[in-house]
Amino acid sequence: MSALTRPAPGRTDTTPAPARPTRLRVSAPPGTAGPARRLDAAGPTRVRRVRLGVAGTTTSDDAVPRPLAPQPAPALPDPTAQCCSVVRAAVEVLRGERSPAQLARWVTPRVLDQLTERARLAREHRPAAAPTRPVLVRRVRLVRLGEDVAEATVVLDDDGRVRAAAARLEARRGVWRVAVLELG
């Protein structure tokens, strides 16, 4: 049994005095900047203040929700470097130096299937000697046909042979992907 304190002057019972009501603090979820916003910002809303332990609530008519500003689409990066990397990696797949699965993120499924089949055919007819020099990108010309479409021509040095490649890139979900790839 716990010890009871003396009753306050003027009180005859020994029950503890009621605690002050505490204020409830509400903040934005972690990782967000600023207060949370309503999605349906159609008209003015009332802010309701609730105090725990108190029967009444108060409302404020002066609170007006902020309109939601449309978020601009993030600008796509320049696809030139990515195009060079993908074309160079595709030639390395044909040479047997790289797995086609490594390009799955940067090409469409159709291009990946075609590249895998061409690499299989090249592996069956390739001489046993391994290439001595890495594939080098000599020149690239890229033309943007729109905000989310680009075409490029890449000239490669493949172990002393000059190769040309043409690629069509399309932006899907904010990432450039090779949709058409022609290797010569």
Foldseek 3Di string as FASTA:
>chain_A
DDDFDDDDPPDDDRDDDDDDFDADDDADDPPDPDGDADPCQPWADWDWGDIPPDDDIDIDRVDHGDDDDDDDDDQADDCPVVVVVLVLVLVCLLLVNDPLVVCPVAAPPVVSVVSNVNSVVSVVVPDPDHQDDGKDWDDKDKDAPDRFKIKMWTWIQGSNDIKIKIWIWGADPRHIHTYDIDID
